[in-house]
Structures are given as structure tokens and as C-alpha cells.
PDB file of N, CA and C in Angstrom:
ATOM      1  N   MET A   1      14.612 -18.368 -21.021  1.00  0.00           N
ATOM      2  CA  MET A   1      15.256 -17.170 -20.483  1.00  0.00           C
ATOM      3  C   MET A   1      15.115 -17.182 -18.958  1.00  0.00           C
ATOM      4  N   THR A   2      16.194 -16.896 -18.253  1.00  0.00           N
ATOM      5  CA  THR A   2      16.157 -16.886 -16.795  1.00  0.00           C
ATOM      6  C   THR A   2      15.765 -15.508 -16.291  1.00  0.00           C
ATOM      7  N   SER A   3      15.075 -15.501 -15.182  1.00  0.00           N
ATOM      8  CA  SER A   3      14.661 -14.228 -14.599  1.00  0.00           C
ATOM      9  C   SER A   3      15.746 -13.704 -13.674  1.00  0.00           C
ATOM     10  N   LYS A   4      15.587 -12.454 -13.262  1.00  0.00           N
ATOM     11  CA  LYS A   4      16.526 -11.878 -12.301  1.00  0.00           C
ATOM     12  C   LYS A   4      16.462 -12.611 -10.977  1.00  0.00           C
ATOM     13  N   LYS A   5      15.307 -13.189 -10.651  1.00  0.00           N
ATOM     14  CA  LYS A   5      15.164 -13.936  -9.414  1.00  0.00           C
ATOM     15  C   LYS A   5      16.173 -15.068  -9.352  1.00  0.00           C
ATOM     16  N   SER A   6      16.358 -15.783 -10.441  1.00  0.00           N
ATOM     17  CA  SER A   6      17.223 -16.950 -10.423  1.00  0.00           C
ATOM     18  C   SER A   6      18.695 -16.570 -10.548  1.00  0.00           C
ATOM     19  N   ARG A   7      18.997 -15.360 -10.962  1.00  0.00           N
ATOM     20  CA  ARG A   7      20.382 -14.976 -11.189  1.00  0.00           C
ATOM     21  C   ARG A   7      21.039 -14.238 -10.036  1.00  0.00           C
ATOM     22  N   ASN A   8      20.307 -13.835  -9.034  1.00  0.00           N
ATOM     23  CA  ASN A   8      20.898 -13.047  -7.955  1.00  0.00           C
ATOM     24  C   ASN A   8      21.555 -13.967  -6.924  1.00  0.00           C
ATOM     25  N   PRO A   9      22.890 -14.007  -6.904  1.00  0.00           N
ATOM     26  CA  PRO A   9      23.586 -14.954  -6.020  1.00  0.00           C
ATOM     27  C   PRO A   9      23.464 -14.639  -4.530  1.00  0.00           C
ATOM     28  N   ILE A  10      23.118 -13.427  -4.172  1.00  0.00           N
ATOM     29  CA  ILE A  10      23.041 -13.086  -2.748  1.00  0.00           C
ATOM     30  C   ILE A  10      21.984 -13.936  -2.042  1.00  0.00           C
ATOM     31  N   PHE A  11      20.926 -14.317  -2.760  1.00  0.00           N
ATOM     32  CA  PHE A  11      19.881 -15.118  -2.138  1.00  0.00           C
ATOM     33  C   PHE A  11      20.343 -16.538  -1.839  1.00  0.00           C
ATOM     34  N   TYR A  12      21.312 -17.037  -2.607  1.00  0.00           N
ATOM     35  CA  TYR A  12      21.891 -18.345  -2.293  1.00  0.00           C
ATOM     36  C   TYR A  12      22.741 -18.260  -1.028  1.00  0.00           C
ATOM     37  N   ILE A  13      23.384 -17.136  -0.824  1.00  0.00           N
ATOM     38  CA  ILE A  13      24.149 -16.929   0.412  1.00  0.00           C
ATOM     39  C   ILE A  13      23.188 -16.850   1.594  1.00  0.00           C
ATOM     40  N   TYR A  14      22.097 -16.110   1.432  1.00  0.00           N
ATOM     41  CA  TYR A  14      21.090 -16.034   2.496  1.00  0.00           C
ATOM     42  C   TYR A  14      20.493 -17.422   2.782  1.00  0.00           C
ATOM     43  N   ALA A  15      20.234 -18.200   1.725  1.00  0.00           N
ATOM     44  CA  ALA A  15      19.682 -19.548   1.902  1.00  0.00           C
ATOM     45  C   ALA A  15      20.680 -20.446   2.627  1.00  0.00           C
ATOM     46  N   PHE A  16      21.950 -20.307   2.317  1.00  0.00           N
ATOM     47  CA  PHE A  16      22.985 -21.075   3.017  1.00  0.00           C
ATOM     48  C   PHE A  16      22.986 -20.720   4.504  1.00  0.00           C
ATOM     49  N   LEU A  17      22.861 -19.436   4.821  1.00  0.00           N
ATOM     50  CA  LEU A  17      22.801 -19.017   6.227  1.00  0.00           C
ATOM     51  C   LEU A  17      21.574 -19.613   6.920  1.00  0.00           C
ATOM     52  N   ALA A  18      20.439 -19.633   6.234  1.00  0.00           N
ATOM     53  CA  ALA A  18      19.227 -20.217   6.813  1.00  0.00           C
ATOM     54  C   ALA A  18      19.414 -21.718   7.048  1.00  0.00           C
ATOM     55  N   ALA A  19      20.091 -22.398   6.130  1.00  0.00           N
ATOM     56  CA  ALA A  19      20.355 -23.831   6.302  1.00  0.00           C
ATOM     57  C   ALA A  19      21.293 -24.063   7.491  1.00  0.00           C
ATOM     58  N   PHE A  20      22.285 -23.205   7.644  1.00  0.00           N
ATOM     59  CA  PHE A  20      23.200 -23.295   8.775  1.00  0.00           C
ATOM     60  C   PHE A  20      22.445 -23.100  10.095  1.00  0.00           C
ATOM     61  N   ILE A  21      21.539 -22.145  10.117  1.00  0.00           N
ATOM     62  CA  ILE A  21      20.737 -21.890  11.319  1.00  0.00           C
ATOM     63  C   ILE A  21      19.825 -23.080  11.607  1.00  0.00           C
ATOM     64  N   ALA A  22      19.294 -23.707  10.553  1.00  0.00           N
ATOM     65  CA  ALA A  22      18.479 -24.915  10.745  1.00  0.00           C
ATOM     66  C   ALA A  22      19.311 -26.016  11.398  1.00  0.00           C
ATOM     67  N   LEU A  23      20.558 -26.173  10.958  1.00  0.00           N
ATOM     68  CA  LEU A  23      21.440 -27.177  11.573  1.00  0.00           C
ATOM     69  C   LEU A  23      21.704 -26.858  13.039  1.00  0.00           C
ATOM     70  N   TYR A  24      21.875 -25.587  13.345  1.00  0.00           N
ATOM     71  CA  TYR A  24      22.048 -25.166  14.736  1.00  0.00           C
ATOM     72  C   TYR A  24      20.831 -25.587  15.568  1.00  0.00           C
ATOM     73  N   HIS A  25      19.633 -25.334  15.038  1.00  0.00           N
ATOM     74  CA  HIS A  25      18.419 -25.670  15.776  1.00  0.00           C
ATOM     75  C   HIS A  25      18.197 -27.182  15.864  1.00  0.00           C
ATOM     76  N   ILE A  26      18.624 -27.939  14.861  1.00  0.00           N
ATOM     77  CA  ILE A  26      18.564 -29.406  14.959  1.00  0.00           C
ATOM     78  C   ILE A  26      19.439 -29.870  16.113  1.00  0.00           C
ATOM     79  N   ASN A  27      20.633 -29.321  16.187  1.00  0.00           N
ATOM     80  CA  ASN A  27      21.547 -29.665  17.285  1.00  0.00           C
ATOM     81  C   ASN A  27      20.939 -29.305  18.640  1.00  0.00           C
ATOM     82  N   LYS A  28      20.357 -28.119  18.739  1.00  0.00           N
ATOM     83  CA  LYS A  28      19.750 -27.684  20.008  1.00  0.00           C
ATOM     84  C   LYS A  28      18.483 -28.484  20.336  1.00  0.00           C
ATOM     85  N   TYR A  29      17.825 -29.034  19.323  1.00  0.00           N
ATOM     86  CA  TYR A  29      16.668 -29.894  19.578  1.00  0.00           C
ATOM     87  C   TYR A  29      17.117 -31.162  20.313  1.00  0.00           C
ATOM     88  N   PHE A  30      18.208 -31.749  19.836  1.00  0.00           N
ATOM     89  CA  PHE A  30      18.688 -32.989  20.444  1.00  0.00           C
ATOM     90  C   PHE A  30      19.498 -32.748  21.718  1.00  0.00           C
ATOM     91  N   PHE A  31      20.108 -31.574  21.822  1.00  0.00           N
ATOM     92  CA  PHE A  31      20.931 -31.249  22.986  1.00  0.00           C
ATOM     93  C   PHE A  31      20.566 -29.871  23.532  1.00  0.00           C
ATOM     94  N   PRO A  32      19.344 -29.722  24.058  1.00  0.00           N
ATOM     95  CA  PRO A  32      18.934 -28.393  24.557  1.00  0.00           C
ATOM     96  C   PRO A  32      19.642 -28.046  25.864  1.00  0.00           C
ATOM     97  N   SER A  33      19.765 -26.764  26.106  1.00  0.00           N
ATOM     98  CA  SER A  33      20.287 -26.297  27.392  1.00  0.00           C
ATOM     99  C   SER A  33      19.235 -26.543  28.465  1.00  0.00           C
ATOM    100  N   ALA A  34      19.631 -26.406  29.700  1.00  0.00           N
ATOM    101  CA  ALA A  34      18.738 -26.707  30.820  1.00  0.00           C
ATOM    102  C   ALA A  34      17.470 -25.853  30.805  1.00  0.00           C
ATOM    103  N   ASN A  35      17.562 -24.607  30.393  1.00  0.00           N
ATOM    104  CA  ASN A  35      16.400 -23.711  30.454  1.00  0.00           C
ATOM    105  C   ASN A  35      15.711 -23.532  29.100  1.00  0.00           C
ATOM    106  N   GLU A  36      15.955 -24.435  28.145  1.00  0.00           N
ATOM    107  CA  GLU A  36      15.367 -24.317  26.817  1.00  0.00           C
ATOM    108  C   GLU A  36      14.344 -25.427  26.575  1.00  0.00           C
ATOM    109  N   HIS A  37      13.394 -25.128  25.715  1.00  0.00           N
ATOM    110  CA  HIS A  37      12.410 -26.122  25.293  1.00  0.00           C
ATOM    111  C   HIS A  37      12.826 -26.648  23.931  1.00  0.00           C
ATOM    112  N   ALA A  38      13.005 -27.939  23.825  1.00  0.00           N
ATOM    113  CA  ALA A  38      13.437 -28.552  22.568  1.00  0.00           C
ATOM    114  C   ALA A  38      12.428 -28.308  21.449  1.00  0.00           C
ATOM    115  N   THR A  39      11.150 -28.249  21.779  1.00  0.00           N
ATOM    116  CA  THR A  39      10.108 -28.052  20.770  1.00  0.00           C
ATOM    117  C   THR A  39      10.287 -26.731  20.035  1.00  0.00           C
ATOM    118  N   ARG A  40      10.708 -25.713  20.744  1.00  0.00           N
ATOM    119  CA  ARG A  40      10.947 -24.404  20.126  1.00  0.00           C
ATOM    120  C   ARG A  40      11.987 -24.529  19.017  1.00  0.00           C
ATOM    121  N   HIS A  41      13.024 -25.300  19.276  1.00  0.00           N
ATOM    122  CA  HIS A  41      14.067 -25.480  18.261  1.00  0.00           C
ATOM    123  C   HIS A  41      13.539 -26.262  17.062  1.00  0.00           C
ATOM    124  N   LEU A  42      12.680 -27.232  17.303  1.00  0.00           N
ATOM    125  CA  LEU A  42      12.097 -27.993  16.201  1.00  0.00           C
ATOM    126  C   LEU A  42      11.235 -27.092  15.320  1.00  0.00           C
ATOM    127  N   ILE A  43      10.509 -26.185  15.935  1.00  0.00           N
ATOM    128  CA  ILE A  43       9.705 -25.223  15.174  1.00  0.00           C
ATOM    129  C   ILE A  43      10.609 -24.376  14.286  1.00  0.00           C
ATOM    130  N   PHE A  44      11.749 -23.941  14.821  1.00  0.00           N
ATOM    131  CA  PHE A  44      12.652 -23.109  14.025  1.00  0.00           C
ATOM    132  C   PHE A  44      13.378 -23.897  12.939  1.00  0.00           C
ATOM    133  N   VAL A  45      13.505 -25.210  13.093  1.00  0.00           N
ATOM    134  CA  VAL A  45      14.016 -26.032  11.991  1.00  0.00           C
ATOM    135  C   VAL A  45      13.046 -25.915  10.817  1.00  0.00           C
ATOM    136  N   GLY A  46      11.759 -26.022  11.099  1.00  0.00           N
ATOM    137  CA  GLY A  46      10.748 -25.872  10.055  1.00  0.00           C
ATOM    138  C   GLY A  46      10.754 -24.485   9.432  1.00  0.00           C
ATOM    139  N   ILE A  47      10.847 -23.475  10.264  1.00  0.00           N
ATOM    140  CA  ILE A  47      10.868 -22.097   9.763  1.00  0.00           C
ATOM    141  C   ILE A  47      12.086 -21.864   8.878  1.00  0.00           C
ATOM    142  N   CYS A  48      13.239 -22.350   9.307  1.00  0.00           N
ATOM    143  CA  CYS A  48      14.468 -22.190   8.512  1.00  0.00           C
ATOM    144  C   CYS A  48      14.380 -22.941   7.197  1.00  0.00           C
ATOM    145  N   THR A  49      13.723 -24.095   7.207  1.00  0.00           N
ATOM    146  CA  THR A  49      13.540 -24.862   5.975  1.00  0.00           C
ATOM    147  C   THR A  49      12.673 -24.080   4.994  1.00  0.00           C
ATOM    148  N   ILE A  50      11.614 -23.480   5.494  1.00  0.00           N
ATOM    149  CA  ILE A  50      10.775 -22.625   4.649  1.00  0.00           C
ATOM    150  C   ILE A  50      11.600 -21.462   4.101  1.00  0.00           C
ATOM    151  N   CYS A  51      12.474 -20.908   4.930  1.00  0.00           N
ATOM    152  CA  CYS A  51      13.317 -19.791   4.487  1.00  0.00           C
ATOM    153  C   CYS A  51      14.291 -20.208   3.392  1.00  0.00           C
ATOM    154  N   VAL A  52      14.877 -21.397   3.513  1.00  0.00           N
ATOM    155  CA  VAL A  52      15.781 -21.869   2.455  1.00  0.00           C
ATOM    156  C   VAL A  52      15.020 -21.931   1.133  1.00  0.00           C
ATOM    157  N   PHE A  53      13.849 -22.561   1.150  1.00  0.00           N
ATOM    158  CA  PHE A  53      13.026 -22.637  -0.059  1.00  0.00           C
ATOM    159  C   PHE A  53      12.655 -21.239  -0.561  1.00  0.00           C
ATOM    160  N   GLY A  54      12.147 -20.408   0.341  1.00  0.00           N
ATOM    161  CA  GLY A  54      11.678 -19.082  -0.042  1.00  0.00           C
ATOM    162  C   GLY A  54      12.765 -18.174  -0.571  1.00  0.00           C
ATOM    163  N   LEU A  55      13.956 -18.278   0.008  1.00  0.00           N
ATOM    164  CA  LEU A  55      15.061 -17.425  -0.446  1.00  0.00           C
ATOM    165  C   LEU A  55      15.586 -17.852  -1.819  1.00  0.00           C
ATOM    166  N   ILE A  56      15.450 -19.127  -2.137  1.00  0.00           N
ATOM    167  CA  ILE A  56      15.897 -19.594  -3.452  1.00  0.00           C
ATOM    168  C   ILE A  56      14.813 -19.355  -4.509  1.00  0.00           C
ATOM    169  N   LYS A  57      13.579 -19.731  -4.215  1.00  0.00           N
ATOM    170  CA  LYS A  57      12.490 -19.625  -5.196  1.00  0.00           C
ATOM    171  C   LYS A  57      11.788 -18.276  -5.176  1.00  0.00           C
ATOM    172  N   ARG A  58      11.732 -17.645  -4.027  1.00  0.00           N
ATOM    173  CA  ARG A  58      11.111 -16.349  -3.812  1.00  0.00           C
ATOM    174  C   ARG A  58       9.684 -16.222  -4.356  1.00  0.00           C
ATOM    175  N   PRO A  59       8.782 -17.102  -3.876  1.00  0.00           N
ATOM    176  CA  PRO A  59       7.372 -16.939  -4.272  1.00  0.00           C
ATOM    177  C   PRO A  59       6.800 -15.666  -3.645  1.00  0.00           C
ATOM    178  N   ALA A  60       5.718 -15.176  -4.189  1.00  0.00           N
ATOM    179  CA  ALA A  60       5.142 -13.904  -3.736  1.00  0.00           C
ATOM    180  C   ALA A  60       4.792 -13.916  -2.246  1.00  0.00           C
ATOM    181  N   TRP A  61       4.279 -15.023  -1.727  1.00  0.00           N
ATOM    182  CA  TRP A  61       3.871 -15.111  -0.320  1.00  0.00           C
ATOM    183  C   TRP A  61       5.049 -15.039   0.641  1.00  0.00           C
ATOM    184  N   PHE A  62       6.254 -15.366   0.151  1.00  0.00           N
ATOM    185  CA  PHE A  62       7.399 -15.443   1.057  1.00  0.00           C
ATOM    186  C   PHE A  62       7.763 -14.086   1.652  1.00  0.00           C
ATOM    187  N   LEU A  63       7.548 -13.022   0.941  1.00  0.00           N
ATOM    188  CA  LEU A  63       7.846 -11.684   1.467  1.00  0.00           C
ATOM    189  C   LEU A  63       7.055 -11.430   2.748  1.00  0.00           C
ATOM    190  N   TYR A  64       5.798 -11.838   2.783  1.00  0.00           N
ATOM    191  CA  TYR A  64       4.957 -11.656   3.972  1.00  0.00           C
ATOM    192  C   TYR A  64       5.399 -12.585   5.109  1.00  0.00           C
ATOM    193  N   PHE A  65       5.719 -13.816   4.748  1.00  0.00           N
ATOM    194  CA  PHE A  65       6.218 -14.775   5.739  1.00  0.00           C
ATOM    195  C   PHE A  65       7.494 -14.242   6.376  1.00  0.00           C
ATOM    196  N   PHE A  66       8.438 -13.803   5.547  1.00  0.00           N
ATOM    197  CA  PHE A  66       9.703 -13.322   6.065  1.00  0.00           C
ATOM    198  C   PHE A  66       9.516 -12.029   6.848  1.00  0.00           C
ATOM    199  N   GLY A  67       8.608 -11.173   6.416  1.00  0.00           N
ATOM    200  CA  GLY A  67       8.330  -9.939   7.146  1.00  0.00           C
ATOM    201  C   GLY A  67       7.844 -10.219   8.556  1.00  0.00           C
ATOM    202  N   ALA A  68       6.937 -11.189   8.689  1.00  0.00           N
ATOM    203  CA  ALA A  68       6.441 -11.576  10.022  1.00  0.00           C
ATOM    204  C   ALA A  68       7.568 -12.185  10.858  1.00  0.00           C
ATOM    205  N   LEU A  69       8.374 -13.031  10.234  1.00  0.00           N
ATOM    206  CA  LEU A  69       9.513 -13.628  10.944  1.00  0.00           C
ATOM    207  C   LEU A  69      10.491 -12.545  11.390  1.00  0.00           C
ATOM    208  N   MET A  70      10.751 -11.587  10.514  1.00  0.00           N
ATOM    209  CA  MET A  70      11.670 -10.506  10.860  1.00  0.00           C
ATOM    210  C   MET A  70      11.168  -9.743  12.085  1.00  0.00           C
ATOM    211  N   LEU A  71       9.891  -9.414  12.126  1.00  0.00           N
ATOM    212  CA  LEU A  71       9.350  -8.682  13.276  1.00  0.00           C
ATOM    213  C   LEU A  71       9.499  -9.498  14.562  1.00  0.00           C
ATOM    214  N   GLN A  72       9.216 -10.799  14.478  1.00  0.00           N
ATOM    215  CA  GLN A  72       9.351 -11.662  15.649  1.00  0.00           C
ATOM    216  C   GLN A  72      10.805 -11.717  16.114  1.00  0.00           C
ATOM    217  N   GLN A  73      11.731 -11.845  15.169  1.00  0.00           N
ATOM    218  CA  GLN A  73      13.151 -11.940  15.510  1.00  0.00           C
ATOM    219  C   GLN A  73      13.692 -10.615  16.056  1.00  0.00           C
ATOM    220  N   LEU A  74      13.248  -9.517  15.486  1.00  0.00           N
ATOM    221  CA  LEU A  74      13.674  -8.214  16.002  1.00  0.00           C
ATOM    222  C   LEU A  74      13.191  -8.016  17.433  1.00  0.00           C
ATOM    223  N   TYR A  75      11.956  -8.429  17.695  1.00  0.00           N
ATOM    224  CA  TYR A  75      11.428  -8.321  19.057  1.00  0.00           C
ATOM    225  C   TYR A  75      12.209  -9.231  20.006  1.00  0.00           C
ATOM    226  N   SER A  76      12.380 -10.483  19.620  1.00  0.00           N
ATOM    227  CA  SER A  76      13.022 -11.470  20.491  1.00  0.00           C
ATOM    228  C   SER A  76      14.511 -11.171  20.697  1.00  0.00           C
ATOM    229  N   HIS A  77      15.253 -11.123  19.609  1.00  0.00           N
ATOM    230  CA  HIS A  77      16.700 -10.900  19.724  1.00  0.00           C
ATOM    231  C   HIS A  77      17.012  -9.456  20.115  1.00  0.00           C
ATOM    232  N   GLY A  78      16.201  -8.527  19.650  1.00  0.00           N
ATOM    233  CA  GLY A  78      16.416  -7.128  20.037  1.00  0.00           C
ATOM    234  C   GLY A  78      16.213  -6.918  21.525  1.00  0.00           C
ATOM    235  N   SER A  79      15.165  -7.542  22.075  1.00  0.00           N
ATOM    236  CA  SER A  79      14.922  -7.449  23.520  1.00  0.00           C
ATOM    237  C   SER A  79      16.070  -8.062  24.311  1.00  0.00           C
ATOM    238  N   GLN A  80      16.532  -9.231  23.862  1.00  0.00           N
ATOM    239  CA  GLN A  80      17.660  -9.879  24.548  1.00  0.00           C
ATOM    240  C   GLN A  80      18.909  -9.009  24.486  1.00  0.00           C
ATOM    241  N   LEU A  81      19.136  -8.405  23.336  1.00  0.00           N
ATOM    242  CA  LEU A  81      20.302  -7.542  23.159  1.00  0.00           C
ATOM    243  C   LEU A  81      20.257  -6.355  24.114  1.00  0.00           C
ATOM    244  N   ILE A  82      19.113  -5.708  24.187  1.00  0.00           N
ATOM    245  CA  ILE A  82      18.943  -4.557  25.076  1.00  0.00           C
ATOM    246  C   ILE A  82      19.059  -4.967  26.540  1.00  0.00           C
ATOM    247  N   ASN A  83      18.389  -6.048  26.922  1.00  0.00           N
ATOM    248  CA  ASN A  83      18.427  -6.496  28.320  1.00  0.00           C
ATOM    249  C   ASN A  83      19.825  -6.882  28.767  1.00  0.00           C
ATOM    250  N   GLN A  84      20.553  -7.579  27.896  1.00  0.00           N
ATOM    251  CA  GLN A  84      21.912  -7.965  28.274  1.00  0.00           C
ATOM    252  C   GLN A  84      22.797  -6.731  28.424  1.00  0.00           C
ATOM    253  N   TRP A  85      22.607  -5.755  27.547  1.00  0.00           N
ATOM    254  CA  TRP A  85      23.400  -4.532  27.651  1.00  0.00           C
ATOM    255  C   TRP A  85      23.077  -3.792  28.956  1.00  0.00           C
ATOM    256  N   LYS A  86      21.798  -3.715  29.304  1.00  0.00           N
ATOM    257  CA  LYS A  86      21.396  -3.038  30.536  1.00  0.00           C
ATOM    258  C   LYS A  86      21.939  -3.738  31.780  1.00  0.00           C
ATOM    259  N   GLU A  87      21.931  -5.080  31.761  1.00  0.00           N
ATOM    260  CA  GLU A  87      22.323  -5.842  32.941  1.00  0.00           C
ATOM    261  C   GLU A  87      23.825  -5.959  33.125  1.00  0.00           C
ATOM    262  N   VAL A  88      24.544  -6.312  32.062  1.00  0.00           N
ATOM    263  CA  VAL A  88      25.978  -6.599  32.228  1.00  0.00           C
ATOM    264  C   VAL A  88      26.879  -5.835  31.267  1.00  0.00           C
ATOM    265  N   HIS A  89      26.307  -4.926  30.497  1.00  0.00           N
ATOM    266  CA  HIS A  89      27.077  -4.095  29.559  1.00  0.00           C
ATOM    267  C   HIS A  89      27.946  -4.918  28.621  1.00  0.00           C
ATOM    268  N   THR A  90      27.380  -6.014  28.131  1.00  0.00           N
ATOM    269  CA  THR A  90      28.038  -6.806  27.090  1.00  0.00           C
ATOM    270  C   THR A  90      27.068  -7.013  25.941  1.00  0.00           C
ATOM    271  N   VAL A  91      27.610  -7.364  24.793  1.00  0.00           N
ATOM    272  CA  VAL A  91      26.808  -7.568  23.599  1.00  0.00           C
ATOM    273  C   VAL A  91      26.862  -9.044  23.219  1.00  0.00           C
ATOM    274  N   ASN A  92      25.694  -9.630  23.015  1.00  0.00           N
ATOM    275  CA  ASN A  92      25.620 -10.978  22.458  1.00  0.00           C
ATOM    276  C   ASN A  92      25.651 -10.804  20.948  1.00  0.00           C
ATOM    277  N   TYR A  93      26.723 -11.262  20.322  1.00  0.00           N
ATOM    278  CA  TYR A  93      26.907 -11.007  18.896  1.00  0.00           C
ATOM    279  C   TYR A  93      25.927 -11.789  18.029  1.00  0.00           C
ATOM    280  N   THR A  94      25.436 -12.905  18.508  1.00  0.00           N
ATOM    281  CA  THR A  94      24.405 -13.617  17.760  1.00  0.00           C
ATOM    282  C   THR A  94      23.155 -12.752  17.655  1.00  0.00           C
ATOM    283  N   ASP A  95      22.729 -12.173  18.772  1.00  0.00           N
ATOM    284  CA  ASP A  95      21.566 -11.282  18.753  1.00  0.00           C
ATOM    285  C   ASP A  95      21.809 -10.088  17.838  1.00  0.00           C
ATOM    286  N   LEU A  96      22.993  -9.517  17.910  1.00  0.00           N
ATOM    287  CA  LEU A  96      23.322  -8.354  17.089  1.00  0.00           C
ATOM    288  C   LEU A  96      23.272  -8.699  15.598  1.00  0.00           C
ATOM    289  N   ILE A  97      23.821  -9.845  15.234  1.00  0.00           N
ATOM    290  CA  ILE A  97      23.822 -10.255  13.826  1.00  0.00           C
ATOM    291  C   ILE A  97      22.392 -10.463  13.333  1.00  0.00           C
ATOM    292  N   VAL A  98      21.557 -11.093  14.148  1.00  0.00           N
ATOM    293  CA  VAL A  98      20.161 -11.306  13.752  1.00  0.00           C
ATOM    294  C   VAL A  98      19.453  -9.967  13.569  1.00  0.00           C
ATOM    295  N   VAL A  99      19.642  -9.048  14.497  1.00  0.00           N
ATOM    296  CA  VAL A  99      18.979  -7.739  14.440  1.00  0.00           C
ATOM    297  C   VAL A  99      19.431  -6.945  13.216  1.00  0.00           C
ATOM    298  N   VAL A 100      20.660  -7.123  12.790  1.00  0.00           N
ATOM    299  CA  VAL A 100      21.162  -6.408  11.610  1.00  0.00           C
ATOM    300  C   VAL A 100      20.762  -7.123  10.318  1.00  0.00           C
ATOM    301  N   MET A 101      20.918  -8.444  10.289  1.00  0.00           N
ATOM    302  CA  MET A 101      20.728  -9.181   9.035  1.00  0.00           C
ATOM    303  C   MET A 101      19.270  -9.332   8.604  1.00  0.00           C
ATOM    304  N   MET A 102      18.353  -9.474   9.542  1.00  0.00           N
ATOM    305  CA  MET A 102      16.957  -9.673   9.143  1.00  0.00           C
ATOM    306  C   MET A 102      16.432  -8.509   8.289  1.00  0.00           C
ATOM    307  N   PRO A 103      16.637  -7.255   8.691  1.00  0.00           N
ATOM    308  CA  PRO A 103      16.187  -6.159   7.814  1.00  0.00           C
ATOM    309  C   PRO A 103      16.953  -6.103   6.484  1.00  0.00           C
ATOM    310  N   VAL A 104      18.233  -6.461   6.494  1.00  0.00           N
ATOM    311  CA  VAL A 104      19.017  -6.466   5.249  1.00  0.00           C
ATOM    312  C   VAL A 104      18.412  -7.470   4.259  1.00  0.00           C
ATOM    313  N   ILE A 105      18.096  -8.664   4.740  1.00  0.00           N
ATOM    314  CA  ILE A 105      17.506  -9.685   3.877  1.00  0.00           C
ATOM    315  C   ILE A 105      16.120  -9.236   3.417  1.00  0.00           C
ATOM    316  N   PHE A 106      15.344  -8.648   4.316  1.00  0.00           N
ATOM    317  CA  PHE A 106      13.996  -8.179   3.949  1.00  0.00           C
ATOM    318  C   PHE A 106      14.066  -7.108   2.865  1.00  0.00           C
ATOM    319  N   VAL A 107      14.978  -6.180   2.996  1.00  0.00           N
ATOM    320  CA  VAL A 107      15.134  -5.135   1.973  1.00  0.00           C
ATOM    321  C   VAL A 107      15.576  -5.756   0.649  1.00  0.00           C
ATOM    322  N   SER A 108      16.448  -6.754   0.711  1.00  0.00           N
ATOM    323  CA  SER A 108      16.856  -7.454  -0.510  1.00  0.00           C
ATOM    324  C   SER A 108      15.655  -8.106  -1.187  1.00  0.00           C
ATOM    325  N   LEU A 109      14.787  -8.727  -0.385  1.00  0.00           N
ATOM    326  CA  LEU A 109      13.576  -9.331  -0.938  1.00  0.00           C
ATOM    327  C   LEU A 109      12.665  -8.274  -1.567  1.00  0.00           C
ATOM    328  N   LEU A 110      12.529  -7.138  -0.895  1.00  0.00           N
ATOM    329  CA  LEU A 110      11.704  -6.051  -1.450  1.00  0.00           C
ATOM    330  C   LEU A 110      12.274  -5.537  -2.755  1.00  0.00           C
ATOM    331  N   ARG A 111      13.567  -5.310  -2.785  1.00  0.00           N
ATOM    332  CA  ARG A 111      14.205  -4.796  -4.004  1.00  0.00           C
ATOM    333  C   ARG A 111      14.104  -5.795  -5.141  1.00  0.00           C
ATOM    334  N   ASN A 112      14.273  -7.073  -4.815  1.00  0.00           N
ATOM    335  CA  ASN A 112      14.179  -8.108  -5.827  1.00  0.00           C
ATOM    336  C   ASN A 112      12.753  -8.186  -6.403  1.00  0.00           C
ATOM    337  N   ARG A 113      11.786  -8.019  -5.518  1.00  0.00           N
ATOM    338  CA  ARG A 113      10.379  -8.075  -5.958  1.00  0.00           C
ATOM    339  C   ARG A 113      10.079  -6.973  -6.968  1.00  0.00           C
ATOM    340  N   HIS A 114      10.640  -5.809  -6.736  1.00  0.00           N
ATOM    341  CA  HIS A 114      10.396  -4.684  -7.643  1.00  0.00           C
ATOM    342  C   HIS A 114      11.264  -4.741  -8.893  1.00  0.00           C
ATOM    343  N   ALA A 115      12.345  -5.509  -8.850  1.00  0.00           N
ATOM    344  CA  ALA A 115      13.255  -5.591 -10.003  1.00  0.00           C
ATOM    345  C   ALA A 115      12.836  -6.633 -11.012  1.00  0.00           C
ATOM    346  N   THR A 116      11.974  -7.565 -10.606  1.00  0.00           N
ATOM    347  CA  THR A 116      11.596  -8.655 -11.499  1.00  0.00           C
ATOM    348  C   THR A 116      10.374  -8.282 -12.320  1.00  0.00           C
ATOM    349  N   PRO A 117      10.329  -8.796 -13.547  1.00  0.00           N
ATOM    350  CA  PRO A 117       9.188  -8.488 -14.422  1.00  0.00           C
ATOM    351  C   PRO A 117       7.928  -9.184 -13.977  1.00  0.00           C
TER     352      PRO A 117
END
């Protein structure tokens, strides 16, 4: 018998997004911008790989891992979003998507945790 964890397709979509982000960071590792550190991108390749696994398998520890990642991303991308708005009154849509999607995925993980036997 399959559990609700294995049947919820939204987590496969989230895992696909994490894999796409890992590919982005692989590209930025090999071709960093002038003011970027390639090592930072390599670290996020690892983090995204953990997220792909965690979003598909959803072990108990992953909720805490993702919660910590969400807080870091909200601080980082949220700060960039606010600063860019203050300086030039434009929105970086990548930052906006991260700030919106991280809590959505976290809530999905919380709901899934409570829905499974």
C-alpha cells in the first residue's frame, strides 16, 4: 500500500524546481559573474540536491533542513528585494519568486507531515 507521501504530485514539481535551480548553480559555478564566489554556487548545488531527495522522499529531518534553508533564503533574497526596491524602484522577480515559494513549499511539507499516518 502506498502512503500519501508517495502519491502527492506537487512534491515532484517542487523537486523538479530544485533540480532546475541546481543546474543554474552548476552553470554559475563554472561561469561565475565578476563579483560572485564560485564556491557559494557549489554549496547550493549540494543543498539543491538534498532538496530534490527530501522533497521526493520527505524524511522527518527534512522539514527542519528546509525550514532553516527557508529562513536563510528569506533573509538573503528578501533583503535583496527590499534593497533593490529602495534604490531603483524595480523588482527582481527571481528574488520575489524565492520569497513567495519557500513558505509555500514549507507549508506543503507541514501539511503533508500531518496528513500522513
